[in-house]
């Protein structure tokens, strides 16, 4: 039984690792429909559907976008030491909304803040980000520190603060 579980784990891990290739962004072909929704991601070197990381260079960081089954799953913004600073999840394919996770000390295991951002564009097509929805902050221990809601970048409703033992005040 243990041998079967090990073989199953190894097989899943092996094939999962095979899908997580990293490709420079200029080697990816992103196909969008007339509504600008992503419907196909192709590795232009192999002409096959791409599942994995597309790496983009930025001024002082690198941006990794993870695609799976022709969808953008999430985006990691990493510092020059390849540590994750921020992770962004798309709310869905049809709204301009992302869930942000910011990390302590650039460590993916220590979430500092988690919140939603609604994206819109001004007349010059510059992106406008406004916090909308649930907001949470965490102690370095991982316990929740603050919990509340935003609407159009303003705090609304009841905000709850917790001490490091999880007791609200």
Protein backbone atom coordinates (compact mmCIF):
# COMPACT_ATOMS: atom_id res chain seq x y z
CA UNK A 1 0.00 0.00 0.00
CA UNK A 2 2.80 2.43 0.92
CA UNK A 3 4.62 1.54 -2.31
CA UNK A 4 1.48 2.34 -4.36
CA UNK A 5 1.04 5.68 -2.56
CA UNK A 6 4.71 6.54 -3.19
CA UNK A 7 4.41 5.70 -6.90
CA UNK A 8 1.20 7.72 -7.16
CA UNK A 9 2.81 10.70 -5.34
CA UNK A 10 5.94 10.51 -7.52
CA UNK A 11 3.87 10.31 -10.72
CA UNK A 12 1.68 13.28 -9.79
CA UNK A 13 4.70 15.32 -8.65
CA UNK A 14 6.67 14.46 -11.81
CA UNK A 15 3.92 15.39 -14.24
CA UNK A 16 2.96 18.49 -12.24
CA UNK A 17 6.61 19.62 -12.31
CA UNK A 18 6.71 19.03 -16.06
CA UNK A 19 3.91 21.55 -16.55
CA UNK A 20 5.59 24.32 -14.58
CA UNK A 21 8.18 25.41 -17.09
CA UNK A 22 9.39 29.01 -17.00
CA UNK A 23 9.40 30.85 -20.31
CA UNK A 24 10.39 34.43 -21.05
CA UNK A 25 7.28 36.48 -21.88
CA UNK A 26 8.36 37.19 -25.45
CA UNK A 27 8.15 33.43 -26.14
CA UNK A 28 4.47 33.35 -25.18
CA UNK A 29 1.61 34.10 -27.50
CA UNK A 30 -1.49 35.30 -25.60
CA UNK A 31 -4.70 35.05 -27.62
CA UNK A 32 -7.72 37.14 -26.57
CA UNK A 33 -11.28 37.33 -27.84
CA UNK A 34 -13.05 40.52 -28.93
CA UNK A 35 -13.87 41.27 -25.25
CA UNK A 36 -10.17 41.00 -24.36
CA UNK A 37 -10.66 37.74 -22.43
CA UNK A 38 -7.73 35.37 -22.56
CA UNK A 39 -8.69 32.14 -24.33
CA UNK A 40 -5.37 30.61 -25.39
CA UNK A 41 -1.75 30.70 -24.19
CA UNK A 42 0.79 29.23 -26.63
CA UNK A 43 4.51 28.69 -26.21
CA UNK A 44 5.68 30.22 -29.50
CA UNK A 45 8.84 28.08 -29.51
CA UNK A 46 6.90 24.77 -29.41
CA UNK A 47 3.49 25.91 -30.77
CA UNK A 48 1.84 24.01 -27.89
CA UNK A 49 -0.53 25.11 -25.14
CA UNK A 50 1.53 26.57 -22.32
CA UNK A 51 1.12 25.61 -18.66
CA UNK A 52 3.64 27.28 -16.39
CA UNK A 53 5.37 30.54 -15.60
CA UNK A 54 5.76 33.42 -18.00
CA UNK A 55 8.61 35.63 -16.76
CA UNK A 56 8.50 39.40 -17.34
CA UNK A 57 11.30 41.82 -16.49
CA UNK A 58 10.41 44.99 -14.62
CA UNK A 59 12.69 47.83 -13.47
CA UNK A 60 13.44 46.60 -9.96
CA UNK A 61 11.64 43.26 -9.89
CA UNK A 62 10.54 40.30 -11.96
CA UNK A 63 6.93 39.44 -12.67
CA UNK A 64 5.92 35.78 -13.01
CA UNK A 65 2.48 34.97 -14.41
CA UNK A 66 1.31 31.41 -13.91
CA UNK A 67 -0.93 30.03 -16.67
CA UNK A 68 -2.83 26.76 -16.60
CA UNK A 69 -5.34 25.44 -19.15
CA UNK A 70 -5.37 28.76 -21.03
CA UNK A 71 -6.12 30.84 -17.93
CA UNK A 72 -4.01 33.21 -15.88
CA UNK A 73 -4.12 31.68 -12.39
CA UNK A 74 -1.99 34.18 -10.47
CA UNK A 75 0.87 36.66 -10.74
CA UNK A 76 3.93 36.86 -8.48
CA UNK A 77 5.97 40.03 -8.15
CA UNK A 78 9.46 39.09 -6.99
CA UNK A 79 12.41 41.17 -5.85
CA UNK A 80 15.87 40.94 -7.42
CA UNK A 81 16.69 38.03 -5.05
CA UNK A 82 13.71 36.10 -6.47
CA UNK A 83 11.70 36.38 -3.22
CA UNK A 84 7.95 36.92 -3.60
CA UNK A 85 6.83 40.38 -2.51
CA UNK A 86 3.21 40.23 -3.65
CA UNK A 87 0.87 37.66 -5.18
CA UNK A 88 -2.18 38.60 -7.24
CA UNK A 89 -5.10 36.26 -8.02
CA UNK A 90 -7.67 37.17 -10.65
CA UNK A 91 -11.19 37.22 -9.19
CA UNK A 92 -12.45 35.75 -12.45
CA UNK A 93 -11.92 36.19 -16.17
CA UNK A 94 -14.64 38.76 -16.71
CA UNK A 95 -14.13 41.45 -14.05
CA UNK A 96 -11.26 43.79 -13.43
CA UNK A 97 -10.67 42.57 -9.92
CA UNK A 98 -7.72 40.95 -8.17
CA UNK A 99 -7.03 39.52 -4.71
CA UNK A 100 -3.72 40.78 -3.36
CA UNK A 101 -1.53 38.96 -0.87
CA UNK A 102 1.47 40.84 0.54
CA UNK A 103 4.16 38.94 2.44
CA UNK A 104 6.38 39.57 5.47
CA UNK A 105 10.09 39.66 4.72
CA UNK A 106 9.41 38.51 1.17
CA UNK A 107 8.54 35.03 2.48
CA UNK A 108 5.63 33.23 0.81
CA UNK A 109 4.65 31.51 4.08
CA UNK A 110 4.08 34.73 6.03
CA UNK A 111 1.12 36.70 4.70
CA UNK A 112 1.05 40.26 6.00
CA UNK A 113 -2.09 41.55 4.23
CA UNK A 114 -4.85 40.12 2.08
CA UNK A 115 -7.39 42.31 0.25
CA UNK A 116 -9.32 42.83 -2.97
CA UNK A 117 -8.71 45.57 -5.52
CA UNK A 118 -11.20 46.71 -8.14
CA UNK A 119 -9.44 47.99 -11.27
CA UNK A 120 -10.71 50.70 -13.58
CA UNK A 121 -9.15 53.04 -16.10
CA UNK A 122 -9.12 56.82 -16.44
CA UNK A 123 -9.43 58.75 -19.71
CA UNK A 124 -5.70 58.25 -20.42
CA UNK A 125 -6.05 54.46 -19.82
CA UNK A 126 -4.04 54.65 -16.60
CA UNK A 127 -5.06 51.98 -14.10
CA UNK A 128 -6.98 53.10 -11.04
CA UNK A 129 -6.87 50.67 -8.11
CA UNK A 130 -9.44 50.86 -5.30
CA UNK A 131 -9.74 48.50 -2.36
CA UNK A 132 -13.17 46.83 -2.39
CA UNK A 133 -14.32 43.95 -0.22
CA UNK A 134 -12.80 41.99 2.65
CA UNK A 135 -9.49 43.14 4.13
CA UNK A 136 -7.27 41.25 6.59
CA UNK A 137 -3.90 41.87 8.21
CA UNK A 138 -1.88 39.20 10.01
CA UNK A 139 0.77 39.03 12.72
CA UNK A 140 4.06 37.42 11.76
CA UNK A 141 2.79 34.36 13.70
CA UNK A 142 0.04 33.98 11.07
CA UNK A 143 -2.80 34.94 13.42
CA UNK A 144 -5.23 37.57 12.21
CA UNK A 145 -4.50 41.13 13.40
CA UNK A 146 -7.22 43.24 11.70
CA UNK A 147 -10.39 42.35 9.80
CA UNK A 148 -12.73 44.72 7.96
CA UNK A 149 -14.30 45.82 4.67
CA UNK A 150 -13.52 48.45 2.05
CA UNK A 151 -15.81 50.09 -0.48
CA UNK A 152 -14.27 52.37 -3.11
CA UNK A 153 -11.03 52.63 -1.08
CA UNK A 154 -12.85 53.70 2.13
CA UNK A 155 -13.26 51.68 5.31
CA UNK A 156 -16.87 50.70 5.93
CA UNK A 157 -18.72 48.80 8.63
CA UNK A 158 -17.22 47.29 11.74
CA UNK A 159 -13.46 46.74 11.90
CA UNK A 160 -12.19 44.16 14.36
CA UNK A 161 -8.69 44.26 15.89
CA UNK A 162 -7.14 41.19 17.50
CA UNK A 163 -4.24 40.84 19.91
CA UNK A 164 -1.54 38.25 19.25
CA UNK A 165 -3.58 35.65 21.19
CA UNK A 166 -6.55 36.06 18.84
CA UNK A 167 -8.69 38.03 21.32
CA UNK A 168 -10.63 40.90 19.75
CA UNK A 169 -10.55 44.39 21.29
